Amino acid sequence: MLCSGLSGAVDEIFRREDGQLAGIHLPAKKRAAEAGLQMHKKVADAAAFLIDSNLRDLFEVNVVVNGLLLSAPLKKQFLRDDEFTFVHKYSRVTSSDFTLIGLVTQKGVGKTSVEPIPDVKDASNLKSATRTIALHMRVLEESFGAPLENEIVIDPFAIYSVLSL
């Protein structure tokens, strides 16, 4: 008797103006949609594409030297060990000294004033439209993969440690 009385009181607290219960018996997906938390599939797919294209199968090594962040994205397939073994051996923040040799590919520039990008529908031909789409993609990709202001990205030729006893 006490349980049913409490249940009725709880139902009254969560009852909406239209007489329906506010989300108690609704599936999670429907409750999320009603709360504005549901992401459209195309938006989710596009976000997944951007994240995947910037982080794909990379294992990133970072070295800080005099306040400068040196980043070397490595393809996992070229590591001698899988990433879990690599992290187990050296740790995420290693105490070993490593030497990194490579070619500078990007440098962070900080905040820059970006000119407004024209709308694709204002393009006069297909080539202009394609270029405009590429500019819009660049702005989105910078959110995920652009170097930080104090960062230099290096395409590594070699990373090695010297045995010191």
C-alpha atoms as a PDB file:
ATOM      1  CA  MET A   1       0.000   0.000   0.000  1.00  0.00           C
ATOM      2  CA  LEU A   2       2.796   2.402   0.895  1.00  0.00           C
ATOM      3  CA  CYS A   3       4.635   1.596  -2.348  1.00  0.00           C
ATOM      4  CA  SER A   4       1.637   2.240  -4.545  1.00  0.00           C
ATOM      5  CA  GLY A   5       0.960   5.505  -2.737  1.00  0.00           C
ATOM      6  CA  LEU A   6       4.526   6.655  -3.324  1.00  0.00           C
ATOM      7  CA  SER A   7       4.340   5.552  -6.917  1.00  0.00           C
ATOM      8  CA  GLY A   8       1.228   7.653  -7.457  1.00  0.00           C
ATOM      9  CA  ALA A   9       2.889  10.669  -5.822  1.00  0.00           C
ATOM     10  CA  VAL A  10       5.968  10.276  -8.010  1.00  0.00           C
ATOM     11  CA  ASP A  11       3.744   9.956 -11.080  1.00  0.00           C
ATOM     12  CA  GLU A  12       2.009  13.223 -10.164  1.00  0.00           C
ATOM     13  CA  ILE A  13       5.332  15.026  -9.707  1.00  0.00           C
ATOM     14  CA  PHE A  14       6.550  13.971 -13.149  1.00  0.00           C
ATOM     15  CA  ARG A  15       3.224  14.311 -15.010  1.00  0.00           C
ATOM     16  CA  ARG A  16       3.281  16.907 -17.790  1.00  0.00           C
ATOM     17  CA  GLU A  17       0.471  19.315 -18.621  1.00  0.00           C
ATOM     18  CA  ASP A  18      -0.808  16.959 -21.343  1.00  0.00           C
ATOM     19  CA  GLY A  19      -1.237  14.171 -18.763  1.00  0.00           C
ATOM     20  CA  GLN A  20       1.749  12.119 -19.967  1.00  0.00           C
ATOM     21  CA  LEU A  21       4.587  11.168 -17.662  1.00  0.00           C
ATOM     22  CA  ALA A  22       7.678  13.275 -18.302  1.00  0.00           C
ATOM     23  CA  GLY A  23      10.195  10.783 -19.578  1.00  0.00           C
ATOM     24  CA  ILE A  24       9.900   8.095 -16.944  1.00  0.00           C
ATOM     25  CA  HIS A  25       8.569   5.359 -19.213  1.00  0.00           C
ATOM     26  CA  LEU A  26       9.982   6.627 -22.512  1.00  0.00           C
ATOM     27  CA  PRO A  27      12.901   4.911 -24.225  1.00  0.00           C
ATOM     28  CA  ALA A  28      16.247   6.646 -23.697  1.00  0.00           C
ATOM     29  CA  LYS A  29      16.556   7.646 -27.356  1.00  0.00           C
ATOM     30  CA  LYS A  30      13.180   9.399 -27.327  1.00  0.00           C
ATOM     31  CA  ARG A  31      13.960  11.187 -24.035  1.00  0.00           C
ATOM     32  CA  ALA A  32      17.268  12.394 -25.485  1.00  0.00           C
ATOM     33  CA  ALA A  33      15.498  13.701 -28.599  1.00  0.00           C
ATOM     34  CA  GLU A  34      12.910  15.549 -26.498  1.00  0.00           C
ATOM     35  CA  ALA A  35      15.684  17.137 -24.434  1.00  0.00           C
ATOM     36  CA  GLY A  36      17.507  18.263 -27.584  1.00  0.00           C
ATOM     37  CA  LEU A  37      20.365  15.850 -26.938  1.00  0.00           C
ATOM     38  CA  GLN A  38      19.817  13.709 -30.030  1.00  0.00           C
ATOM     39  CA  MET A  39      22.314  14.353 -32.821  1.00  0.00           C
ATOM     40  CA  HIS A  40      21.190  13.998 -36.427  1.00  0.00           C
ATOM     41  CA  LYS A  41      22.854  10.981 -38.082  1.00  0.00           C
ATOM     42  CA  LYS A  42      24.432  13.073 -40.879  1.00  0.00           C
ATOM     43  CA  VAL A  43      25.952  15.464 -38.325  1.00  0.00           C
ATOM     44  CA  ALA A  44      27.277  12.556 -36.260  1.00  0.00           C
ATOM     45  CA  ASP A  45      28.737  10.884 -39.376  1.00  0.00           C
ATOM     46  CA  ALA A  46      30.417  14.133 -40.468  1.00  0.00           C
ATOM     47  CA  ALA A  47      31.923  14.665 -37.001  1.00  0.00           C
ATOM     48  CA  ALA A  48      33.149  11.062 -36.943  1.00  0.00           C
ATOM     49  CA  PHE A  49      34.752  11.574 -40.371  1.00  0.00           C
ATOM     50  CA  LEU A  50      36.589  14.718 -39.211  1.00  0.00           C
ATOM     51  CA  ILE A  51      37.859  13.077 -36.043  1.00  0.00           C
ATOM     52  CA  ASP A  52      38.859   9.898 -37.882  1.00  0.00           C
ATOM     53  CA  SER A  53      40.650  11.776 -40.654  1.00  0.00           C
ATOM     54  CA  ASN A  54      42.731  13.690 -38.096  1.00  0.00           C
ATOM     55  CA  LEU A  55      43.407  10.899 -35.610  1.00  0.00           C
ATOM     56  CA  ARG A  56      43.122   7.773 -37.758  1.00  0.00           C
ATOM     57  CA  ASP A  57      45.808   5.169 -36.999  1.00  0.00           C
ATOM     58  CA  LEU A  58      48.290   7.556 -35.452  1.00  0.00           C
ATOM     59  CA  PHE A  59      50.348   7.247 -32.322  1.00  0.00           C
ATOM     60  CA  GLU A  60      51.604  10.697 -31.387  1.00  0.00           C
ATOM     61  CA  VAL A  61      54.879  11.294 -29.583  1.00  0.00           C
ATOM     62  CA  ASN A  62      55.271  14.683 -27.876  1.00  0.00           C
ATOM     63  CA  VAL A  63      58.495  16.232 -26.645  1.00  0.00           C
ATOM     64  CA  VAL A  64      58.629  19.557 -24.788  1.00  0.00           C
ATOM     65  CA  VAL A  65      61.838  21.547 -25.254  1.00  0.00           C
ATOM     66  CA  ASN A  66      62.146  25.071 -23.787  1.00  0.00           C
ATOM     67  CA  GLY A  67      58.360  25.546 -23.762  1.00  0.00           C
ATOM     68  CA  LEU A  68      58.043  24.376 -27.370  1.00  0.00           C
ATOM     69  CA  LEU A  69      55.917  21.292 -28.048  1.00  0.00           C
ATOM     70  CA  LEU A  70      57.366  18.996 -30.705  1.00  0.00           C
ATOM     71  CA  SER A  71      54.783  16.502 -32.006  1.00  0.00           C
ATOM     72  CA  ALA A  72      55.580  13.490 -34.149  1.00  0.00           C
ATOM     73  CA  PRO A  73      52.576  11.537 -35.429  1.00  0.00           C
ATOM     74  CA  LEU A  74      53.616   7.930 -36.033  1.00  0.00           C
ATOM     75  CA  LYS A  75      51.765   5.294 -38.026  1.00  0.00           C
ATOM     76  CA  LYS A  76      51.005   2.418 -35.685  1.00  0.00           C
ATOM     77  CA  GLN A  77      51.843  -0.120 -38.389  1.00  0.00           C
ATOM     78  CA  PHE A  78      55.484   1.045 -38.436  1.00  0.00           C
ATOM     79  CA  LEU A  79      56.065   0.674 -34.707  1.00  0.00           C
ATOM     80  CA  ARG A  80      58.045  -2.380 -33.711  1.00  0.00           C
ATOM     81  CA  ASP A  81      55.520  -3.105 -30.940  1.00  0.00           C
ATOM     82  CA  ASP A  82      51.793  -2.457 -30.738  1.00  0.00           C
ATOM     83  CA  GLU A  83      50.800   0.746 -28.966  1.00  0.00           C
ATOM     84  CA  PHE A  84      49.827  -0.995 -25.710  1.00  0.00           C
ATOM     85  CA  THR A  85      53.209  -2.730 -25.425  1.00  0.00           C
ATOM     86  CA  PHE A  86      54.959   0.529 -26.346  1.00  0.00           C
ATOM     87  CA  VAL A  87      53.137   2.422 -23.578  1.00  0.00           C
ATOM     88  CA  HIS A  88      53.750  -0.439 -21.138  1.00  0.00           C
ATOM     89  CA  LYS A  89      57.509  -0.374 -21.846  1.00  0.00           C
ATOM     90  CA  TYR A  90      58.071   3.380 -21.830  1.00  0.00           C
ATOM     91  CA  SER A  91      54.950   4.767 -20.043  1.00  0.00           C
ATOM     92  CA  ARG A  92      52.751   7.597 -21.306  1.00  0.00           C
ATOM     93  CA  VAL A  93      55.145  10.083 -19.743  1.00  0.00           C
ATOM     94  CA  THR A  94      58.516   8.437 -20.109  1.00  0.00           C
ATOM     95  CA  SER A  95      61.606   8.995 -18.006  1.00  0.00           C
ATOM     96  CA  SER A  96      63.842   7.784 -20.851  1.00  0.00           C
ATOM     97  CA  ASP A  97      65.638  10.243 -23.119  1.00  0.00           C
ATOM     98  CA  PHE A  98      64.724   9.990 -26.791  1.00  0.00           C
ATOM     99  CA  THR A  99      66.225  11.594 -29.862  1.00  0.00           C
ATOM    100  CA  LEU A 100      63.825  12.635 -32.614  1.00  0.00           C
ATOM    101  CA  ILE A 101      65.047  13.279 -36.155  1.00  0.00           C
ATOM    102  CA  GLY A 102      62.640  14.502 -38.806  1.00  0.00           C
ATOM    103  CA  LEU A 103      61.316  17.167 -41.127  1.00  0.00           C
ATOM    104  CA  VAL A 104      59.206  20.091 -39.868  1.00  0.00           C
ATOM    105  CA  THR A 105      55.788  19.911 -41.551  1.00  0.00           C
ATOM    106  CA  GLN A 106      53.628  22.398 -39.599  1.00  0.00           C
ATOM    107  CA  LYS A 107      54.040  25.165 -37.069  1.00  0.00           C
ATOM    108  CA  GLY A 108      51.343  26.587 -34.828  1.00  0.00           C
ATOM    109  CA  VAL A 109      50.621  30.220 -35.580  1.00  0.00           C
ATOM    110  CA  GLY A 110      48.109  31.045 -32.859  1.00  0.00           C
ATOM    111  CA  LYS A 111      45.073  33.179 -33.496  1.00  0.00           C
ATOM    112  CA  THR A 112      44.970  34.612 -36.984  1.00  0.00           C
ATOM    113  CA  SER A 113      42.370  36.872 -38.492  1.00  0.00           C
ATOM    114  CA  VAL A 114      40.604  34.756 -41.040  1.00  0.00           C
ATOM    115  CA  GLU A 115      38.710  36.401 -43.847  1.00  0.00           C
ATOM    116  CA  PRO A 116      35.086  35.319 -44.099  1.00  0.00           C
ATOM    117  CA  ILE A 117      34.688  32.321 -46.380  1.00  0.00           C
ATOM    118  CA  PRO A 118      32.184  32.837 -49.192  1.00  0.00           C
ATOM    119  CA  ASP A 119      29.049  30.733 -49.379  1.00  0.00           C
ATOM    120  CA  VAL A 120      29.202  27.749 -51.740  1.00  0.00           C
ATOM    121  CA  LYS A 121      25.984  28.768 -53.470  1.00  0.00           C
ATOM    122  CA  ASP A 122      27.624  32.072 -54.498  1.00  0.00           C
ATOM    123  CA  ALA A 123      30.325  30.248 -56.494  1.00  0.00           C
ATOM    124  CA  SER A 124      30.339  31.026 -60.203  1.00  0.00           C
ATOM    125  CA  ASN A 125      31.527  27.591 -61.327  1.00  0.00           C
ATOM    126  CA  LEU A 126      32.302  24.093 -60.080  1.00  0.00           C
ATOM    127  CA  LYS A 127      35.986  24.832 -59.470  1.00  0.00           C
ATOM    128  CA  SER A 128      35.132  27.822 -57.249  1.00  0.00           C
ATOM    129  CA  ALA A 129      32.530  25.778 -55.377  1.00  0.00           C
ATOM    130  CA  THR A 130      35.054  22.986 -54.761  1.00  0.00           C
ATOM    131  CA  ARG A 131      37.615  25.500 -53.475  1.00  0.00           C
ATOM    132  CA  THR A 132      35.023  27.070 -51.173  1.00  0.00           C
ATOM    133  CA  ILE A 133      34.067  23.659 -49.758  1.00  0.00           C
ATOM    134  CA  ALA A 134      37.765  22.954 -49.136  1.00  0.00           C
ATOM    135  CA  LEU A 135      38.083  26.256 -47.234  1.00  0.00           C
ATOM    136  CA  HIS A 136      35.074  25.364 -45.063  1.00  0.00           C
ATOM    137  CA  MET A 137      36.577  21.918 -44.398  1.00  0.00           C
ATOM    138  CA  ARG A 138      39.865  23.556 -43.373  1.00  0.00           C
ATOM    139  CA  VAL A 139      38.100  25.632 -40.727  1.00  0.00           C
ATOM    140  CA  LEU A 140      36.444  22.501 -39.312  1.00  0.00           C
ATOM    141  CA  GLU A 141      39.644  20.454 -39.434  1.00  0.00           C
ATOM    142  CA  GLU A 142      41.543  23.167 -37.559  1.00  0.00           C
ATOM    143  CA  SER A 143      39.257  22.496 -34.593  1.00  0.00           C
ATOM    144  CA  PHE A 144      40.514  18.904 -34.434  1.00  0.00           C
ATOM    145  CA  GLY A 145      44.014  18.850 -35.838  1.00  0.00           C
ATOM    146  CA  ALA A 146      45.639  22.263 -36.143  1.00  0.00           C
ATOM    147  CA  PRO A 147      48.913  22.660 -34.247  1.00  0.00           C
ATOM    148  CA  LEU A 148      48.804  24.628 -31.007  1.00  0.00           C
ATOM    149  CA  GLU A 149      50.423  28.058 -30.878  1.00  0.00           C
ATOM    150  CA  ASN A 150      53.626  26.657 -29.316  1.00  0.00           C
ATOM    151  CA  GLU A 151      53.631  23.406 -31.328  1.00  0.00           C
ATOM    152  CA  ILE A 152      55.803  22.192 -34.183  1.00  0.00           C
ATOM    153  CA  VAL A 153      54.730  19.045 -36.035  1.00  0.00           C
ATOM    154  CA  ILE A 154      57.559  16.847 -37.288  1.00  0.00           C
ATOM    155  CA  ASP A 155      57.479  14.027 -39.833  1.00  0.00           C
ATOM    156  CA  PRO A 156      59.912  11.694 -38.060  1.00  0.00           C
ATOM    157  CA  PHE A 157      62.678   9.803 -39.833  1.00  0.00           C
ATOM    158  CA  ALA A 158      63.827   8.125 -36.635  1.00  0.00           C
ATOM    159  CA  ILE A 159      63.159   8.062 -32.922  1.00  0.00           C
ATOM    160  CA  TYR A 160      65.697   6.312 -30.771  1.00  0.00           C
ATOM    161  CA  SER A 161      66.953   6.194 -27.230  1.00  0.00           C
ATOM    162  CA  VAL A 162      70.536   5.869 -26.126  1.00  0.00           C
ATOM    163  CA  LEU A 163      71.320   3.290 -23.495  1.00  0.00           C
ATOM    164  CA  SER A 164      72.942   5.038 -20.561  1.00  0.00           C
ATOM    165  CA  LEU A 165      74.231   3.094 -17.587  1.00  0.00           C
END
